[in-house]
Amino acid sequence: MDAPTPTPQPGPDSTPAPRVSRRARLIGGLLAALALGGTGWLAWHLTHPAAPAGGVAAGPGGQGGPGSPGGRRGPMATTVGVATAAQASIPVTLEALGTVTPQASVKVRPQVSGVLDKVLFKEGQKVRAGDLLATIEARPFELALQQASGQRQRDEAQLDSARVTLQRFKTLLEQDSIARQDVDTQAALVKQLEGTVLIDKASEGTARLNLSYARITAPISGRVGLRTVDVGNVVSSSDANGIALITQVSPIDVVFAVPQDQAGALQQSAAAGTVMTVTALDRTRSATLDTGVFASLDNQVDTTTGTVKVKARFANAALALFPNQFVNVRLQLATIDNAVVVPVTALRHGNDGDYVYVLNAAERTVSLRPVQRGQASADSIQIASGLKAGEQVITEGADRLKDGASVTLPGGGAGGAGGPAGGKKRQRPDGAPRAEGQSGGAASAPAPGSASSAGLANSASPAGPAASSALPPSAADAAALDATSAPRRHRRASQAEGA
């Protein structure tokens, strides 16, 4: 008869199957909870960037940031740029596109026809009125002058003879030796010769004038343009190009158009004797060409454009303005003194009108303030009402703000009470101090087996996902490390009991 098979007894190294299965389920659940909590924390961290140092907003009821026990995260503070409203004198200006127009522009043409003998000017030269520019062959005009002079002398001699004869006839008439008809005829002859002599004098003057026209002089002072004719050519008064073109460049005018609504203000200022400054700028508005004054206003409105032409006068001492040049014109109508001005970027526009964000320095929050805008310049704008000088307004980052929002200044602390100030220490979960902004990586995790590690392991439970996700990054890493090493410690403990 076969002996009964002995029942195997569990050795010292063996572990009861039910006990191993229960521990496996407990450890598996713990690991799953920790993995789920770590995944949730990572997702939250990626979608909610950390606040800047010293800029963690306090939670409701004075609770701290996410690092404080039992606290909850408050609204994130926005980093903004700030400027102070100041009082300044702001000019009231009009800007337009103008055309440089010389006060006088003359095309020099010869008065008589002839061969061009000399050209005495250089292209681009500045000349004065009366300066000799060119000469025409003068011999034909000299001969014509001599002819006219000889004709006058002959007729004057005949006139003298007729006058002597008339005087004799009068004497004979007194002696009753001649008929009165002869005396009257001689008197008429004298008058006829007097008219002939007068005509001769005019012809002589014309010949002398033509001779002077052989010398071509500058009619005005200005700058000579390019030469259009050479020596040896026959020139006349009918030539389209003439000899040269002279334009007066100093002083010079700029003509531009302003809206018809500003015509009344311009006329009143001109009638009051107000000197209105006009600045001529280059094409890019970056350089000032010259500064002048308002000169005159046209007497009618252009019905096509609804504008009025204005003329400004410039000294143009540096010759920076050229005739027919297009320039940008800035006309200063008046100056507003003690105006409250802010940067242009501070003013915003909404459905209810213009507004600015005013900084509350004590609370580090902003308030939406409706304002009324005034005159504007290139980089600043006047606030006619709603803001006082000395108040601070937001110039950058206002797109992310609303009324009462907390803000962070570029070089200062965060807005909102309860946030830790920059440079202060925060307590880690293990009780060791940690500087503000220190990341919870491997360098800050407690070593396995330490007091903090044991405390985190003991706090793990089936409700671990919620508890683990609430831990700061350094504590979560320590808990995951402790949970990983837990099965090994239990296995060693079981082996020790069996031995």
Protein backbone atom coordinates (compact mmCIF):
# COMPACT_ATOMS: atom_id res chain seq x y z
CA MET A 1 0.00 0.00 0.00
CA ASP A 2 1.44 3.24 -1.07
CA ALA A 3 2.34 5.77 1.59
CA PRO A 4 0.36 8.99 1.52
CA THR A 5 2.04 11.85 -0.25
CA PRO A 6 3.15 14.40 2.30
CA THR A 7 1.67 17.84 1.97
CA PRO A 8 4.40 20.34 1.15
CA GLN A 9 4.96 22.85 3.90
CA PRO A 10 5.73 26.43 3.04
CA GLY A 11 9.42 27.10 3.36
CA PRO A 12 11.02 30.11 4.88
CA ASP A 13 11.44 31.76 1.46
CA SER A 14 7.94 31.06 0.20
CA THR A 15 5.08 33.55 0.54
CA PRO A 16 1.43 32.47 0.89
CA ALA A 17 -0.38 32.97 -2.39
CA PRO A 18 -3.34 34.91 -0.96
CA ARG A 19 -1.01 37.31 0.85
CA VAL A 20 1.11 37.95 -2.28
CA SER A 21 -1.98 38.57 -4.39
CA ARG A 22 -3.39 41.09 -1.90
CA ARG A 23 -0.13 43.03 -1.70
CA ALA A 24 0.22 43.03 -5.48
CA ARG A 25 -3.22 44.51 -5.85
CA LEU A 26 -2.50 47.15 -3.18
CA ILE A 27 0.86 48.09 -4.70
CA GLY A 28 -0.59 48.10 -8.23
CA GLY A 29 -3.40 50.40 -7.15
CA LEU A 30 -0.96 52.69 -5.39
CA LEU A 31 1.29 52.87 -8.45
CA ALA A 32 -1.66 53.53 -10.73
CA ALA A 33 -2.86 56.32 -8.43
CA LEU A 34 0.58 57.89 -8.34
CA ALA A 35 0.94 57.63 -12.13
CA LEU A 36 -2.46 59.21 -12.63
CA GLY A 37 -1.65 61.98 -10.15
CA GLY A 38 1.71 62.65 -11.82
CA THR A 39 0.05 62.78 -15.23
CA GLY A 40 -2.53 65.24 -13.96
CA TRP A 41 0.12 67.43 -12.34
CA LEU A 42 2.20 67.42 -15.54
CA ALA A 43 -0.83 68.41 -17.64
CA TRP A 44 -1.68 71.23 -15.23
CA HIS A 45 1.93 72.43 -15.18
CA LEU A 46 2.11 72.57 -18.99
CA THR A 47 -1.17 74.45 -19.34
CA HIS A 48 -0.59 76.88 -16.42
CA PRO A 49 2.84 78.55 -16.61
CA ALA A 50 4.36 79.56 -13.33
CA ALA A 51 3.99 83.15 -12.14
CA PRO A 52 7.14 85.32 -12.14
CA ALA A 53 9.26 85.55 -9.01
CA GLY A 54 7.53 87.58 -6.37
CA GLY A 55 4.38 87.73 -8.49
CA VAL A 56 2.18 84.91 -7.09
CA ALA A 57 -1.24 86.32 -6.40
CA ALA A 58 -2.90 85.50 -3.12
CA GLY A 59 -5.90 83.23 -3.06
CA PRO A 60 -9.24 84.18 -1.58
CA GLY A 61 -9.29 84.82 2.11
CA GLY A 62 -5.60 85.60 2.30
CA GLN A 63 -4.46 82.10 1.29
CA GLY A 64 -0.98 81.82 -0.19
CA GLY A 65 0.16 80.42 -3.50
CA PRO A 66 0.36 76.79 -4.51
CA GLY A 67 3.31 76.16 -2.23
CA SER A 68 1.52 77.03 1.00
CA PRO A 69 -0.32 74.33 2.96
CA GLY A 70 -4.00 74.26 2.27
CA GLY A 71 -3.72 77.17 -0.17
CA ARG A 72 -5.14 77.41 -3.65
CA ARG A 73 -3.83 79.25 -6.72
CA GLY A 74 -5.11 82.80 -7.27
CA PRO A 75 -5.40 84.70 -10.59
CA MET A 76 -2.13 85.21 -12.45
CA ALA A 77 -0.70 88.75 -12.40
CA THR A 78 0.13 90.41 -15.74
CA THR A 79 3.42 92.16 -16.34
CA VAL A 80 2.73 95.65 -17.67
CA GLY A 81 4.51 98.85 -18.64
CA VAL A 82 3.71 102.02 -16.72
CA ALA A 83 4.00 105.74 -17.53
CA THR A 84 3.15 108.81 -15.47
CA ALA A 85 0.73 111.44 -16.75
CA ALA A 86 2.52 114.77 -16.91
CA GLN A 87 1.70 118.40 -17.62
CA ALA A 88 3.25 119.82 -20.76
CA SER A 89 2.65 122.34 -23.51
CA ILE A 90 1.26 120.55 -26.54
CA PRO A 91 1.09 122.27 -29.94
CA VAL A 92 -2.03 122.33 -32.09
CA THR A 93 -0.78 121.56 -35.57
CA LEU A 94 -2.01 120.92 -39.09
CA GLU A 95 -0.08 118.66 -41.44
CA ALA A 96 -0.29 118.76 -45.23
CA LEU A 97 1.67 118.14 -48.41
CA GLY A 98 3.05 121.31 -49.96
CA THR A 99 4.85 122.45 -53.09
CA VAL A 100 7.85 124.78 -52.98
CA THR A 101 7.11 127.81 -55.13
CA PRO A 102 9.66 130.58 -55.85
CA GLN A 103 8.54 134.16 -55.29
CA ALA A 104 9.69 135.01 -58.82
CA SER A 105 10.71 132.90 -61.78
CA VAL A 106 11.84 134.59 -65.00
CA LYS A 107 12.80 133.09 -68.34
CA VAL A 108 15.35 135.46 -69.80
CA ARG A 109 14.74 136.12 -73.51
CA PRO A 110 16.53 138.63 -75.78
CA GLN A 111 14.60 141.76 -76.68
CA VAL A 112 16.15 142.01 -80.15
CA SER A 113 17.22 139.49 -82.73
CA GLY A 114 20.87 138.88 -83.42
CA VAL A 115 23.80 136.56 -83.15
CA LEU A 116 24.71 135.54 -79.58
CA ASP A 117 28.19 136.92 -79.03
CA LYS A 118 29.07 136.07 -75.40
CA VAL A 119 27.65 134.05 -72.49
CA LEU A 120 28.93 135.43 -69.20
CA PHE A 121 27.12 133.26 -66.62
CA LYS A 122 27.71 129.75 -65.31
CA GLU A 123 25.02 127.19 -64.81
CA GLY A 124 23.67 127.21 -61.26
CA GLN A 125 25.26 130.58 -60.48
CA LYS A 126 23.57 133.05 -58.15
CA VAL A 127 23.13 136.43 -59.83
CA ARG A 128 21.82 139.81 -58.81
CA ALA A 129 19.43 142.05 -60.66
CA GLY A 130 21.38 143.99 -63.38
CA ASP A 131 24.24 141.52 -63.76
CA LEU A 132 25.32 141.01 -67.39
CA LEU A 133 24.42 137.51 -68.60
CA ALA A 134 25.15 137.60 -72.36
CA THR A 135 25.72 139.94 -75.31
CA ILE A 136 24.42 140.02 -78.88
CA GLU A 137 26.29 141.31 -81.92
CA ALA A 138 25.92 145.11 -81.50
CA ARG A 139 27.17 146.55 -84.83
CA PRO A 140 23.79 146.50 -86.62
CA PHE A 141 22.23 148.38 -83.72
CA GLU A 142 25.05 150.92 -83.62
CA LEU A 143 24.56 151.66 -87.33
CA ALA A 144 20.84 152.03 -86.87
CA LEU A 145 21.49 154.50 -84.08
CA GLN A 146 23.80 156.56 -86.27
CA GLN A 147 21.22 156.63 -89.03
CA ALA A 148 18.51 157.82 -86.71
CA SER A 149 20.81 160.44 -85.25
CA GLY A 150 21.72 161.79 -88.73
CA GLN A 151 18.09 162.00 -89.75
CA ARG A 152 17.31 163.99 -86.64
CA GLN A 153 20.14 166.44 -87.24
CA ARG A 154 19.03 167.05 -90.84
CA ASP A 155 15.46 167.70 -89.84
CA GLU A 156 16.56 170.02 -87.03
CA ALA A 157 18.55 172.10 -89.56
CA GLN A 158 15.53 172.43 -91.80
CA LEU A 159 13.48 173.47 -88.80
CA ASP A 160 15.96 176.20 -87.90
CA SER A 161 15.85 177.53 -91.49
CA ALA A 162 12.07 177.55 -91.52
CA ARG A 163 11.95 179.43 -88.24
CA VAL A 164 14.31 182.15 -89.58
CA THR A 165 12.17 182.51 -92.71
CA LEU A 166 9.05 182.83 -90.61
CA GLN A 167 10.61 185.61 -88.57
CA ARG A 168 11.44 187.58 -91.74
CA PHE A 169 7.91 187.13 -93.08
CA LYS A 170 6.51 188.57 -89.90
CA THR A 171 8.74 191.64 -90.21
CA LEU A 172 7.65 192.19 -93.81
CA LEU A 173 4.03 191.76 -92.79
CA GLU A 174 4.41 194.57 -90.28
CA GLN A 175 5.75 196.78 -93.12
CA ASP A 176 2.85 195.64 -95.27
CA SER A 177 5.34 194.28 -97.78
CA ILE A 178 4.08 190.69 -97.92
CA ALA A 179 0.80 189.00 -97.94
CA ARG A 180 -0.48 187.43 -94.77
CA GLN A 181 -1.01 184.13 -96.61
CA ASP A 182 2.71 183.68 -97.07
CA VAL A 183 3.29 184.24 -93.37
CA ASP A 184 0.69 181.63 -92.43
CA THR A 185 2.16 179.09 -94.87
CA GLN A 186 5.62 179.54 -93.42
CA ALA A 187 4.31 179.13 -89.89
CA ALA A 188 2.68 175.82 -90.85
CA LEU A 189 5.94 174.63 -92.37
CA VAL A 190 7.75 175.35 -89.12
CA LYS A 191 5.25 173.27 -87.18
CA GLN A 192 5.59 170.43 -89.67
CA LEU A 193 9.35 170.39 -89.29
CA GLU A 194 9.03 170.47 -85.51
CA GLY A 195 6.95 167.26 -85.72
CA THR A 196 9.49 165.67 -88.02
CA VAL A 197 12.28 166.44 -85.59
CA LEU A 198 10.24 164.92 -82.74
CA ILE A 199 9.81 161.73 -84.77
CA ASP A 200 13.50 161.65 -85.46
CA LYS A 201 14.29 161.94 -81.78
CA ALA A 202 11.98 158.98 -81.06
CA SER A 203 13.64 156.91 -83.78
CA GLU A 204 17.02 157.77 -82.34
CA GLY A 205 15.86 156.71 -78.89
CA THR A 206 14.56 153.43 -80.27
CA ALA A 207 17.86 152.73 -81.96
CA ARG A 208 19.73 153.53 -78.75
CA LEU A 209 17.38 151.23 -76.80
CA ASN A 210 17.93 148.38 -79.25
CA LEU A 211 21.63 148.87 -78.84
CA SER A 212 21.24 148.52 -75.07
CA TYR A 213 19.20 145.35 -75.58
CA ALA A 214 22.25 143.80 -77.14
CA ARG A 215 23.46 143.47 -73.52
CA ILE A 216 21.26 140.87 -71.79
CA THR A 217 21.10 141.45 -68.02
CA ALA A 218 19.41 139.64 -65.12
CA PRO A 219 15.98 141.11 -64.40
CA ILE A 220 15.82 139.68 -60.85
CA SER A 221 18.14 138.26 -58.24
CA GLY A 222 18.18 134.50 -58.00
CA ARG A 223 19.76 131.34 -59.23
CA VAL A 224 20.45 130.65 -62.92
CA GLY A 225 19.42 127.29 -64.29
CA LEU A 226 20.95 125.27 -67.08
CA ARG A 227 22.04 127.07 -70.24
CA THR A 228 19.77 126.48 -73.21
CA VAL A 229 21.70 128.19 -76.04
CA ASP A 230 25.34 128.43 -77.14
CA VAL A 231 27.45 131.24 -78.56
CA GLY A 232 27.00 131.79 -82.31
CA ASN A 233 23.31 130.99 -82.48
CA VAL A 234 20.83 133.54 -83.74
CA VAL A 235 18.46 134.42 -80.93
CA SER A 236 15.27 136.43 -80.91
CA SER A 237 12.48 137.42 -78.60
CA SER A 238 10.25 134.63 -79.96
CA ASP A 239 12.53 131.82 -78.72
CA ALA A 240 10.61 129.46 -76.39
CA ASN A 241 13.61 128.43 -74.29
CA GLY A 242 15.24 131.85 -74.06
CA ILE A 243 18.77 132.37 -72.80
CA ALA A 244 18.37 131.12 -69.20
CA LEU A 245 15.86 130.61 -66.39
CA ILE A 246 16.30 132.55 -63.14
CA THR A 247 14.37 131.61 -60.01
CA GLN A 248 14.38 133.46 -56.72
CA VAL A 249 15.25 130.87 -54.07
CA SER A 250 15.82 133.03 -51.02
CA PRO A 251 13.29 133.78 -49.65
CA ILE A 252 10.98 131.15 -51.07
CA ASP A 253 7.35 130.12 -50.57
CA VAL A 254 5.56 126.83 -49.94
CA VAL A 255 1.95 126.45 -51.06
CA PHE A 256 -0.23 123.81 -49.40
CA ALA A 257 -3.91 123.11 -48.77
CA VAL A 258 -5.76 122.94 -45.44
CA PRO A 259 -9.34 121.77 -44.75
CA GLN A 260 -11.97 124.42 -45.19
CA ASP A 261 -13.01 123.97 -41.55
CA GLN A 262 -9.67 125.45 -40.47
CA ALA A 263 -9.89 128.49 -42.74
CA GLY A 264 -11.75 130.54 -40.13
CA ALA A 265 -9.23 129.86 -37.40
CA LEU A 266 -6.36 130.73 -39.72
CA GLN A 267 -7.97 133.97 -40.78
CA GLN A 268 -8.68 135.02 -37.20
CA SER A 269 -5.14 134.25 -36.09
CA ALA A 270 -3.70 136.19 -39.04
CA ALA A 271 -5.98 139.17 -38.34
CA ALA A 272 -4.90 139.15 -34.67
CA GLY A 273 -1.25 139.32 -35.69
CA THR A 274 -0.37 135.88 -34.33
CA VAL A 275 2.87 134.53 -35.74
CA MET A 276 2.14 130.96 -36.84
CA THR A 277 5.21 128.81 -37.32
CA VAL A 278 5.43 126.52 -40.33
CA THR A 279 7.94 123.67 -40.54
CA ALA A 280 8.98 122.04 -43.79
CA LEU A 281 9.94 118.36 -43.45
CA ASP A 282 11.48 115.95 -45.90
CA ARG A 283 9.70 113.03 -47.54
CA THR A 284 10.18 110.71 -44.55
CA ARG A 285 9.26 113.39 -41.97
CA SER A 286 12.53 112.64 -40.18
CA ALA A 287 14.53 115.78 -41.05
CA THR A 288 13.56 119.45 -40.85
CA LEU A 289 14.43 121.34 -44.03
CA ASP A 290 13.56 124.85 -42.87
CA THR A 291 11.27 126.81 -40.58
CA GLY A 292 9.13 129.70 -41.78
CA VAL A 293 5.96 131.63 -40.99
CA PHE A 294 2.42 131.82 -42.28
CA ALA A 295 2.21 134.35 -45.13
CA SER A 296 -1.25 134.47 -46.69
CA LEU A 297 -4.53 132.63 -47.22
CA ASP A 298 -6.40 132.23 -50.47
CA ASN A 299 -9.73 134.03 -50.91
CA GLN A 300 -11.83 131.05 -52.02
CA VAL A 301 -12.40 127.37 -51.31
CA ASP A 302 -11.60 124.78 -53.93
CA THR A 303 -14.97 123.11 -54.55
CA THR A 304 -13.31 119.96 -55.90
CA THR A 305 -11.30 119.15 -52.77
CA GLY A 306 -12.96 121.29 -50.10
CA THR A 307 -9.65 122.88 -49.14
CA VAL A 308 -8.14 126.34 -49.04
CA LYS A 309 -4.64 127.16 -50.30
CA VAL A 310 -2.18 128.60 -47.81
CA LYS A 311 1.20 130.16 -48.52
CA ALA A 312 4.08 130.08 -46.06
CA ARG A 313 7.35 131.97 -46.46
CA PHE A 314 10.80 130.55 -45.67
CA ALA A 315 14.16 132.31 -45.54
CA ASN A 316 15.85 129.26 -47.11
CA ALA A 317 19.29 130.45 -46.04
CA ALA A 318 20.72 126.92 -46.37
CA LEU A 319 19.09 126.47 -49.82
CA ALA A 320 17.47 123.23 -48.64
CA LEU A 321 14.22 124.02 -50.50
CA PHE A 322 14.13 123.76 -54.29
CA PRO A 323 11.43 125.14 -56.58
CA ASN A 324 8.65 122.64 -57.39
CA GLN A 325 9.84 120.33 -54.59
CA PHE A 326 7.23 118.37 -52.61
CA VAL A 327 7.59 118.70 -48.85
CA ASN A 328 5.60 117.78 -45.75
CA VAL A 329 4.32 120.87 -43.99
CA ARG A 330 3.45 121.22 -40.31
CA LEU A 331 1.56 124.40 -39.41
CA GLN A 332 1.33 125.25 -35.70
CA LEU A 333 -1.98 126.97 -35.05
CA ALA A 334 -1.65 127.42 -31.28
CA THR A 335 -0.14 125.93 -28.11
CA ILE A 336 -2.12 124.40 -25.22
CA ASP A 337 -0.29 125.10 -21.96
CA ASN A 338 -0.40 122.83 -18.89
CA ALA A 339 -2.07 119.99 -20.75
CA VAL A 340 -2.20 116.50 -19.20
CA VAL A 341 -0.41 114.23 -21.66
CA VAL A 342 0.24 110.48 -21.73
CA PRO A 343 1.94 108.23 -24.28
CA VAL A 344 -0.18 107.33 -27.28
CA THR A 345 -0.01 103.63 -26.32
CA ALA A 346 -1.81 104.32 -23.02
CA LEU A 347 -5.07 105.44 -24.66
CA ARG A 348 -7.49 102.68 -25.67
CA HIS A 349 -10.86 102.71 -27.38
CA GLY A 350 -13.87 100.65 -26.47
CA ASN A 351 -17.59 100.50 -27.16
CA ASP A 352 -18.23 103.25 -24.60
CA GLY A 353 -15.45 105.53 -25.83
CA ASP A 354 -11.83 106.16 -24.93
CA TYR A 355 -10.36 104.90 -21.66
CA VAL A 356 -7.09 104.23 -19.87
CA TYR A 357 -6.00 101.78 -17.18
CA VAL A 358 -4.86 103.62 -14.04
CA LEU A 359 -2.45 101.86 -11.68
CA ASN A 360 -3.35 101.61 -7.99
CA ALA A 361 0.14 101.60 -6.50
CA ALA A 362 -0.87 100.32 -3.05
CA GLU A 363 -2.85 97.28 -4.21
CA ARG A 364 -0.94 96.79 -7.46
CA THR A 365 -4.20 96.61 -9.37
CA VAL A 366 -5.60 98.63 -12.25
CA SER A 367 -8.80 100.60 -12.66
CA LEU A 368 -10.53 101.31 -15.97
CA ARG A 369 -10.94 105.08 -16.28
CA PRO A 370 -13.07 106.67 -19.08
CA VAL A 371 -11.32 109.76 -20.49
CA GLN A 372 -11.78 112.35 -23.19
CA ARG A 373 -8.95 112.74 -25.66
CA GLY A 374 -7.63 116.04 -26.99
CA GLN A 375 -4.85 117.05 -29.33
CA ALA A 376 -2.28 114.44 -30.32
CA SER A 377 1.36 114.64 -31.38
CA ALA A 378 3.73 112.03 -32.73
CA ASP A 379 4.30 110.20 -29.42
CA SER A 380 1.90 111.71 -26.88
CA ILE A 381 -1.76 112.63 -26.61
CA GLN A 382 -3.67 115.11 -24.48
CA ILE A 383 -6.24 113.87 -21.97
CA ALA A 384 -8.81 116.67 -21.82
CA SER A 385 -10.74 115.18 -18.88
CA GLY A 386 -10.78 112.09 -16.69
CA LEU A 387 -7.12 112.00 -15.64
CA LYS A 388 -4.87 114.10 -13.42
CA ALA A 389 -1.17 114.80 -13.69
CA GLY A 390 0.92 112.40 -11.61
CA GLU A 391 -1.33 109.36 -12.01
CA GLN A 392 0.25 106.26 -13.50
CA VAL A 393 -1.28 104.64 -16.56
CA ILE A 394 -0.64 101.32 -18.28
CA THR A 395 1.19 101.58 -21.59
CA GLU A 396 2.04 97.93 -22.33
CA GLY A 397 0.16 94.71 -21.68
CA ALA A 398 -3.27 96.39 -21.44
CA ASP A 399 -4.80 93.87 -23.87
CA ARG A 400 -4.79 91.24 -21.14
CA LEU A 401 -6.26 93.45 -18.42
CA LYS A 402 -9.68 94.21 -17.08
CA ASP A 403 -10.98 96.46 -14.35
CA GLY A 404 -9.49 95.42 -10.98
CA ALA A 405 -6.90 93.03 -12.42
CA SER A 406 -3.61 92.44 -10.59
CA VAL A 407 -0.44 93.51 -12.36
CA THR A 408 3.29 93.09 -12.04
CA LEU A 409 5.70 95.91 -12.75
CA PRO A 410 8.82 95.12 -14.78
CA GLY A 411 11.20 95.88 -11.90
CA GLY A 412 8.93 95.56 -8.87
CA GLY A 413 6.74 93.09 -6.97
CA ALA A 414 3.47 91.56 -8.12
CA GLY A 415 0.10 93.07 -7.72
CA GLY A 416 -2.32 91.52 -5.24
CA ALA A 417 -1.90 90.99 -1.51
CA GLY A 418 -0.62 87.81 0.03
CA GLY A 419 1.96 86.95 -2.66
CA PRO A 420 5.49 86.26 -1.41
CA ALA A 421 7.87 89.12 -1.94
CA GLY A 422 10.93 88.54 -4.10
CA GLY A 423 13.90 87.19 -2.20
CA LYS A 424 11.89 85.58 0.66
CA LYS A 425 12.13 81.87 1.51
CA ARG A 426 9.36 79.37 1.10
CA GLN A 427 9.07 76.17 3.13
CA ARG A 428 9.21 72.88 1.31
CA PRO A 429 6.95 70.05 2.49
CA ASP A 430 9.88 68.40 4.29
CA GLY A 431 10.45 71.51 6.38
CA ALA A 432 13.64 72.67 4.60
CA PRO A 433 13.69 76.24 3.31
CA ARG A 434 13.64 76.75 -0.45
CA ALA A 435 14.29 79.97 -2.34
CA GLU A 436 11.41 81.56 -4.27
CA GLY A 437 11.25 80.21 -7.82
CA GLN A 438 13.32 77.00 -7.10
CA SER A 439 12.16 74.16 -9.29
CA GLY A 440 11.02 70.90 -7.70
CA GLY A 441 13.35 68.57 -9.61
CA ALA A 442 15.68 65.78 -8.58
CA ALA A 443 17.97 68.18 -6.74
CA SER A 444 15.17 69.19 -4.35
CA ALA A 445 13.66 65.72 -3.82
CA PRO A 446 14.32 64.13 -0.40
CA ALA A 447 16.51 61.03 -0.30
CA PRO A 448 14.74 57.66 -0.02
CA GLY A 449 14.36 56.53 3.55
CA SER A 450 14.43 60.02 5.04
CA ALA A 451 11.77 61.28 7.37
CA SER A 452 10.01 63.23 4.68
CA SER A 453 10.08 60.19 2.35
CA ALA A 454 8.58 57.95 4.98
CA GLY A 455 5.90 60.49 5.76
CA LEU A 456 4.93 60.70 2.10
CA ALA A 457 4.79 56.90 1.79
CA ASN A 458 2.56 56.57 4.84
CA SER A 459 0.19 59.20 3.45
CA ALA A 460 -0.46 57.14 0.29
CA SER A 461 -3.90 55.52 0.20
CA PRO A 462 -6.46 54.36 -2.37
CA ALA A 463 -7.50 57.99 -2.52
CA GLY A 464 -4.02 58.74 -3.64
CA PRO A 465 -4.62 60.50 -6.99
CA ALA A 466 -6.24 63.51 -5.45
CA ALA A 467 -3.78 63.68 -2.58
CA SER A 468 -0.76 63.16 -4.79
CA SER A 469 -1.83 65.73 -7.36
CA ALA A 470 -2.12 68.33 -4.60
CA LEU A 471 1.51 67.91 -3.61
CA PRO A 472 4.18 70.28 -4.88
CA PRO A 473 6.50 68.89 -7.59
CA SER A 474 9.32 67.92 -5.19
CA ALA A 475 6.97 66.04 -2.84
CA ALA A 476 5.30 64.17 -5.73
CA ASP A 477 8.64 63.00 -7.02
CA ALA A 478 9.65 61.82 -3.54
CA ALA A 479 6.36 59.95 -3.13
CA ALA A 480 6.78 58.22 -6.50
CA LEU A 481 10.31 57.17 -5.54
CA ASP A 482 9.13 55.86 -2.16
CA ALA A 483 6.26 53.93 -3.75
CA THR A 484 8.65 52.29 -6.22
CA SER A 485 10.88 51.00 -3.42
CA ALA A 486 7.97 49.81 -1.21
CA PRO A 487 7.61 46.25 -2.72
CA ARG A 488 11.27 45.55 -2.17
CA ARG A 489 11.08 46.53 1.50
CA HIS A 490 7.98 44.31 2.03
CA ARG A 491 9.71 41.32 0.33
CA ARG A 492 12.79 41.68 2.54
CA ALA A 493 10.61 41.93 5.63
CA SER A 494 8.78 38.67 4.71
CA GLN A 495 12.05 36.85 4.12
CA ALA A 496 13.31 37.98 7.52
CA GLU A 497 10.16 36.69 9.27
CA GLY A 498 10.44 33.26 7.56
CA ALA A 499 14.06 32.93 8.61
